[in-house]
N, C-alpha and C. Protein backbone atom coordinates (compact mmCIF):
# COMPACT_ATOMS: atom_id res chain seq x y z
N UNK A 1 123.26 99.17 87.67
CA UNK A 1 121.93 98.61 87.59
C UNK A 1 120.95 99.47 88.41
N UNK A 2 121.41 99.97 89.54
CA UNK A 2 120.56 100.80 90.38
C UNK A 2 120.23 102.12 89.68
N UNK A 3 121.22 102.69 88.96
CA UNK A 3 120.97 103.92 88.22
C UNK A 3 119.94 103.70 87.12
N UNK A 4 120.05 102.55 86.44
CA UNK A 4 119.09 102.24 85.38
C UNK A 4 117.68 102.10 85.95
N UNK A 5 117.58 101.44 87.08
CA UNK A 5 116.27 101.28 87.72
C UNK A 5 115.70 102.63 88.13
N UNK A 6 116.54 103.50 88.70
CA UNK A 6 116.10 104.83 89.11
C UNK A 6 115.63 105.62 87.89
N UNK A 7 116.38 105.55 86.79
CA UNK A 7 115.98 106.27 85.57
C UNK A 7 114.66 105.73 85.04
N UNK A 8 114.45 104.41 85.12
CA UNK A 8 113.21 103.80 84.66
C UNK A 8 112.03 104.26 85.51
N UNK A 9 112.20 104.26 86.81
CA UNK A 9 111.12 104.63 87.71
C UNK A 9 110.79 106.11 87.60
N UNK A 10 111.78 106.93 87.40
CA UNK A 10 111.56 108.37 87.37
C UNK A 10 111.00 108.86 86.03
N UNK A 11 110.90 107.98 85.05
CA UNK A 11 110.28 108.41 83.79
C UNK A 11 108.82 108.75 84.06
N UNK A 12 108.31 109.67 83.30
CA UNK A 12 106.96 110.16 83.52
C UNK A 12 105.89 109.09 83.41
N UNK A 13 106.05 108.16 82.48
CA UNK A 13 105.01 107.16 82.27
C UNK A 13 104.82 106.25 83.48
N UNK A 14 105.90 105.83 84.07
CA UNK A 14 105.81 104.92 85.22
C UNK A 14 105.19 105.63 86.42
N UNK A 15 105.61 106.85 86.65
CA UNK A 15 105.07 107.61 87.78
C UNK A 15 103.59 107.89 87.55
N UNK A 16 103.22 108.28 86.33
CA UNK A 16 101.82 108.54 86.03
C UNK A 16 100.96 107.29 86.22
N UNK A 17 101.47 106.15 85.80
CA UNK A 17 100.73 104.90 85.97
C UNK A 17 100.54 104.56 87.45
N UNK A 18 101.59 104.72 88.22
CA UNK A 18 101.50 104.43 89.66
C UNK A 18 100.49 105.35 90.34
N UNK A 19 100.53 106.62 90.00
CA UNK A 19 99.57 107.56 90.59
C UNK A 19 98.16 107.23 90.16
N UNK A 20 97.99 106.86 88.89
CA UNK A 20 96.66 106.48 88.41
C UNK A 20 96.10 105.27 89.14
N UNK A 21 96.94 104.30 89.40
CA UNK A 21 96.48 103.10 90.12
C UNK A 21 96.09 103.45 91.55
N UNK A 22 96.89 104.27 92.21
CA UNK A 22 96.59 104.64 93.61
C UNK A 22 95.32 105.48 93.68
N UNK A 23 95.20 106.48 92.81
CA UNK A 23 94.01 107.32 92.81
C UNK A 23 92.78 106.49 92.42
N UNK A 24 92.94 105.58 91.47
CA UNK A 24 91.82 104.71 91.08
C UNK A 24 91.34 103.85 92.23
N UNK A 25 92.26 103.29 92.99
CA UNK A 25 91.87 102.48 94.14
C UNK A 25 91.16 103.30 95.20
N UNK A 26 91.67 104.50 95.44
CA UNK A 26 91.03 105.37 96.44
C UNK A 26 89.65 105.81 95.97
N UNK A 27 89.51 106.10 94.69
CA UNK A 27 88.21 106.50 94.16
C UNK A 27 87.24 105.32 94.17
N UNK A 28 87.76 104.11 93.95
CA UNK A 28 86.93 102.91 94.04
C UNK A 28 86.34 102.76 95.43
N UNK A 29 87.09 103.13 96.45
CA UNK A 29 86.58 103.09 97.82
C UNK A 29 85.40 104.05 97.99
N UNK A 30 85.50 105.22 97.37
CA UNK A 30 84.39 106.18 97.44
C UNK A 30 83.15 105.61 96.77
N UNK A 31 83.32 105.03 95.61
CA UNK A 31 82.17 104.47 94.88
C UNK A 31 81.55 103.32 95.66
N UNK A 32 82.39 102.43 96.21
CA UNK A 32 81.86 101.31 97.00
C UNK A 32 81.09 101.82 98.22
N UNK A 33 81.62 102.83 98.88
CA UNK A 33 80.94 103.38 100.04
C UNK A 33 79.64 104.05 99.65
N UNK A 34 79.63 104.74 98.53
CA UNK A 34 78.41 105.39 98.07
C UNK A 34 77.32 104.35 97.83
N UNK A 35 77.68 103.27 97.18
CA UNK A 35 76.68 102.23 96.88
C UNK A 35 76.26 101.50 98.15
N UNK A 36 77.23 101.05 98.95
CA UNK A 36 76.90 100.22 100.11
C UNK A 36 76.29 101.02 101.26
N UNK A 37 76.76 102.24 101.46
CA UNK A 37 76.36 102.98 102.66
C UNK A 37 75.27 104.03 102.41
N UNK A 38 75.08 104.45 101.17
CA UNK A 38 74.09 105.49 100.89
C UNK A 38 72.95 104.94 100.03
N UNK A 39 73.27 104.41 98.86
CA UNK A 39 72.22 104.01 97.90
C UNK A 39 71.48 102.76 98.35
N UNK A 40 72.21 101.73 98.75
CA UNK A 40 71.56 100.47 99.14
C UNK A 40 70.60 100.64 100.31
N UNK A 41 70.94 101.33 101.39
CA UNK A 41 69.96 101.51 102.46
C UNK A 41 68.71 102.28 102.01
N UNK A 42 68.90 103.24 101.12
CA UNK A 42 67.74 103.99 100.64
C UNK A 42 66.81 103.08 99.85
N UNK A 43 67.39 102.20 99.03
CA UNK A 43 66.57 101.31 98.21
C UNK A 43 65.97 100.16 99.02
N UNK A 44 66.70 99.63 99.97
CA UNK A 44 66.23 98.46 100.72
C UNK A 44 65.25 98.79 101.83
N UNK A 45 65.36 99.93 102.43
CA UNK A 45 64.51 100.26 103.58
C UNK A 45 63.02 100.15 103.24
N UNK A 46 62.52 100.84 102.21
CA UNK A 46 61.08 100.72 101.92
C UNK A 46 60.69 99.33 101.46
N UNK A 47 61.55 98.67 100.71
CA UNK A 47 61.21 97.34 100.21
C UNK A 47 61.11 96.34 101.36
N UNK A 48 62.01 96.41 102.31
CA UNK A 48 61.98 95.47 103.42
C UNK A 48 60.82 95.77 104.37
N UNK A 49 60.52 97.04 104.54
CA UNK A 49 59.38 97.37 105.42
C UNK A 49 58.08 96.87 104.81
N UNK A 50 57.97 96.91 103.49
CA UNK A 50 56.76 96.43 102.82
C UNK A 50 56.69 94.92 102.81
N UNK A 51 57.84 94.25 102.82
CA UNK A 51 57.86 92.78 102.73
C UNK A 51 57.46 92.13 104.04
N UNK A 52 57.74 92.74 105.15
CA UNK A 52 57.36 92.15 106.42
C UNK A 52 58.53 91.99 107.36
N UNK A 53 58.24 91.55 108.57
CA UNK A 53 59.23 91.46 109.63
C UNK A 53 60.27 90.37 109.39
N UNK A 54 59.93 89.31 108.66
CA UNK A 54 60.87 88.21 108.44
C UNK A 54 62.08 88.67 107.65
N UNK A 55 61.84 89.49 106.66
CA UNK A 55 62.96 89.98 105.85
C UNK A 55 63.74 91.07 106.57
N UNK A 56 63.07 91.82 107.40
CA UNK A 56 63.75 92.90 108.11
C UNK A 56 64.79 92.33 109.08
N UNK A 57 64.54 91.14 109.62
CA UNK A 57 65.47 90.54 110.57
C UNK A 57 66.82 90.25 109.92
N UNK A 58 66.84 89.95 108.63
CA UNK A 58 68.10 89.66 107.95
C UNK A 58 68.82 90.93 107.51
N UNK A 59 68.15 92.06 107.57
CA UNK A 59 68.76 93.31 107.13
C UNK A 59 69.40 94.01 108.32
N UNK A 60 70.55 94.57 108.11
CA UNK A 60 71.24 95.26 109.19
C UNK A 60 70.62 96.65 109.39
N UNK A 61 70.20 96.96 110.59
CA UNK A 61 69.58 98.26 110.82
C UNK A 61 70.63 99.38 110.82
N UNK A 62 70.16 100.58 110.71
CA UNK A 62 71.08 101.72 110.78
C UNK A 62 70.85 102.71 109.67
N UNK A 63 70.20 102.31 108.62
CA UNK A 63 69.93 103.24 107.53
C UNK A 63 71.21 103.68 106.85
N UNK A 64 71.17 104.90 106.34
CA UNK A 64 72.33 105.43 105.62
C UNK A 64 73.49 105.63 106.59
N UNK A 65 74.65 105.28 106.11
CA UNK A 65 75.87 105.46 106.90
C UNK A 65 76.67 106.61 106.29
N UNK A 66 76.16 107.79 106.48
CA UNK A 66 76.76 108.98 105.88
C UNK A 66 78.17 109.21 106.40
N UNK A 67 78.41 108.87 107.64
CA UNK A 67 79.75 109.05 108.22
C UNK A 67 80.79 108.20 107.51
N UNK A 68 80.46 106.97 107.16
CA UNK A 68 81.40 106.12 106.44
C UNK A 68 81.71 106.69 105.07
N UNK A 69 80.68 107.23 104.41
CA UNK A 69 80.89 107.82 103.09
C UNK A 69 81.78 109.06 103.19
N UNK A 70 81.51 109.91 104.15
CA UNK A 70 82.33 111.12 104.33
C UNK A 70 83.76 110.74 104.67
N UNK A 71 83.92 109.69 105.48
CA UNK A 71 85.26 109.21 105.82
C UNK A 71 86.01 108.75 104.57
N UNK A 72 85.31 108.08 103.67
CA UNK A 72 85.93 107.63 102.41
C UNK A 72 86.36 108.82 101.56
N UNK A 73 85.53 109.85 101.50
CA UNK A 73 85.86 111.04 100.72
C UNK A 73 87.07 111.75 101.32
N UNK A 74 87.11 111.88 102.63
CA UNK A 74 88.24 112.54 103.29
C UNK A 74 89.52 111.73 103.08
N UNK A 75 89.41 110.43 103.17
CA UNK A 75 90.56 109.57 102.93
C UNK A 75 91.09 109.76 101.50
N UNK A 76 90.18 109.84 100.54
CA UNK A 76 90.58 110.08 99.15
C UNK A 76 91.30 111.41 99.01
N UNK A 77 90.78 112.45 99.63
CA UNK A 77 91.40 113.77 99.54
C UNK A 77 92.79 113.79 100.16
N UNK A 78 92.95 113.09 101.28
CA UNK A 78 94.27 113.02 101.92
C UNK A 78 95.27 112.29 101.02
N UNK A 79 94.84 111.17 100.45
CA UNK A 79 95.71 110.41 99.55
C UNK A 79 96.10 111.25 98.34
N UNK A 80 95.12 111.95 97.76
CA UNK A 80 95.40 112.79 96.59
C UNK A 80 96.37 113.91 96.95
N UNK A 81 96.21 114.51 98.12
CA UNK A 81 97.10 115.61 98.53
C UNK A 81 98.52 115.10 98.76
N UNK A 82 98.65 113.94 99.39
CA UNK A 82 99.99 113.38 99.63
C UNK A 82 100.66 113.05 98.29
N UNK A 83 99.91 112.49 97.35
CA UNK A 83 100.48 112.21 96.04
C UNK A 83 100.90 113.50 95.33
N UNK A 84 100.10 114.54 95.49
CA UNK A 84 100.46 115.84 94.91
C UNK A 84 101.80 116.32 95.49
N UNK A 85 101.97 116.20 96.80
CA UNK A 85 103.22 116.64 97.42
C UNK A 85 104.40 115.79 96.94
N UNK A 86 104.18 114.50 96.78
CA UNK A 86 105.25 113.62 96.30
C UNK A 86 105.66 114.01 94.88
N UNK A 87 104.68 114.22 94.00
CA UNK A 87 104.98 114.58 92.62
C UNK A 87 105.66 115.95 92.56
N UNK A 88 105.19 116.88 93.38
CA UNK A 88 105.80 118.20 93.40
C UNK A 88 107.26 118.10 93.84
N UNK A 89 107.53 117.29 94.86
CA UNK A 89 108.91 117.09 95.31
C UNK A 89 109.77 116.43 94.24
N UNK A 90 109.20 115.44 93.56
CA UNK A 90 109.95 114.78 92.48
C UNK A 90 110.26 115.76 91.36
N UNK A 91 109.30 116.59 91.00
CA UNK A 91 109.54 117.57 89.94
C UNK A 91 110.61 118.57 90.34
N UNK A 92 110.58 119.00 91.59
CA UNK A 92 111.60 119.94 92.08
C UNK A 92 112.98 119.29 92.05
N UNK A 93 113.04 118.04 92.50
CA UNK A 93 114.33 117.33 92.49
C UNK A 93 114.82 117.12 91.07
N UNK A 94 113.91 116.83 90.16
CA UNK A 94 114.29 116.61 88.77
C UNK A 94 114.81 117.90 88.14
N UNK A 95 114.16 119.02 88.45
CA UNK A 95 114.62 120.31 87.91
C UNK A 95 116.01 120.64 88.42
N UNK A 96 116.26 120.38 89.70
CA UNK A 96 117.59 120.65 90.26
C UNK A 96 118.64 119.77 89.61
N UNK A 97 118.28 118.51 89.33
CA UNK A 97 119.23 117.60 88.70
C UNK A 97 119.48 118.00 87.25
N UNK A 98 118.45 118.53 86.59
CA UNK A 98 118.60 118.91 85.19
C UNK A 98 119.36 120.22 85.01
N UNK A 99 119.35 121.05 86.04
CA UNK A 99 120.05 122.32 85.93
C UNK A 99 121.55 122.07 85.82
N UNK A 100 122.12 122.68 84.82
CA UNK A 100 123.57 122.56 84.66
C UNK A 100 124.21 123.76 85.35
N UNK A 101 125.35 123.54 85.96
CA UNK A 101 126.00 124.68 86.60
C UNK A 101 126.33 125.73 85.54
N UNK A 102 126.12 126.97 85.88
CA UNK A 102 126.38 128.06 84.94
C UNK A 102 127.88 128.15 84.67
N UNK A 103 128.18 128.49 83.45
CA UNK A 103 129.59 128.66 83.10
C UNK A 103 130.13 129.86 83.86
N UNK A 104 131.36 129.75 84.32
CA UNK A 104 131.92 130.88 85.07
C UNK A 104 132.00 132.11 84.17
N UNK A 105 131.77 133.24 84.76
CA UNK A 105 131.82 134.50 84.01
C UNK A 105 133.25 134.74 83.54
N UNK A 106 133.40 135.27 82.35
CA UNK A 106 134.77 135.53 81.88
C UNK A 106 135.41 136.60 82.75
N UNK A 107 136.70 136.49 82.93
CA UNK A 107 137.38 137.49 83.77
C UNK A 107 137.34 138.86 83.10
N UNK A 108 137.49 139.89 83.87
CA UNK A 108 137.49 141.24 83.29
C UNK A 108 138.63 141.40 82.28
N UNK A 109 138.51 142.42 81.46
CA UNK A 109 139.48 142.65 80.38
C UNK A 109 140.89 142.84 80.90
N UNK A 110 141.07 143.56 81.99
CA UNK A 110 142.43 143.79 82.50
C UNK A 110 143.08 142.50 82.97
N UNK A 111 142.28 141.61 83.55
CA UNK A 111 142.82 140.31 84.00
C UNK A 111 143.19 139.47 82.78
N UNK A 112 142.38 139.53 81.73
CA UNK A 112 142.71 138.78 80.51
C UNK A 112 144.02 139.30 79.91
N UNK A 113 144.18 140.61 79.89
CA UNK A 113 145.43 141.19 79.37
C UNK A 113 146.63 140.75 80.20
N UNK A 114 146.48 140.81 81.51
CA UNK A 114 147.59 140.39 82.37
C UNK A 114 147.91 138.91 82.18
N UNK A 115 146.91 138.09 81.97
CA UNK A 115 147.13 136.66 81.74
C UNK A 115 147.87 136.46 80.42
N UNK A 116 147.47 137.19 79.39
CA UNK A 116 148.15 137.05 78.09
C UNK A 116 149.62 137.50 78.22
N UNK A 117 149.86 138.60 78.94
CA UNK A 117 151.22 139.08 79.13
C UNK A 117 152.04 138.04 79.88
N UNK A 118 151.46 137.43 80.91
CA UNK A 118 152.17 136.41 81.67
C UNK A 118 152.53 135.23 80.77
N UNK A 119 151.56 134.81 79.95
CA UNK A 119 151.80 133.67 79.07
C UNK A 119 152.89 133.99 78.06
N UNK A 120 152.90 135.23 77.55
CA UNK A 120 153.92 135.62 76.58
C UNK A 120 155.32 135.68 77.24
N UNK A 121 155.37 136.15 78.47
CA UNK A 121 156.64 136.21 79.19
C UNK A 121 157.19 134.82 79.49
N UNK A 122 156.28 133.87 79.72
CA UNK A 122 156.74 132.50 79.97
C UNK A 122 157.39 131.90 78.73
N UNK A 123 156.89 132.27 77.57
CA UNK A 123 157.47 131.72 76.33
C UNK A 123 158.81 132.36 76.11
């Protein structure tokens, strides 16, 4: 049962799906950070300043949070690189498992002759 599970997990489709989900989640973090930390402060700052002090009190000061966005991008790159290393290792392991041991080289002609002579003498 464990071998069947390993064969199922190591199939390309399952691995590709898992990587897609992980990369998608990491990329979602970048998009959320872009909207929340970069775009929203740019759009809200002038609108709140024009509306008056009452609305500004409910808004969190600080403007664009470029550091949070850059942190999200770096986190995405690290996750992508680690997944690349994992897939590369899996491919290397799969190639080694798929390699069949080479057939032994045939013995030289003189050894074959001596073997035939030995076999004939035994008969």
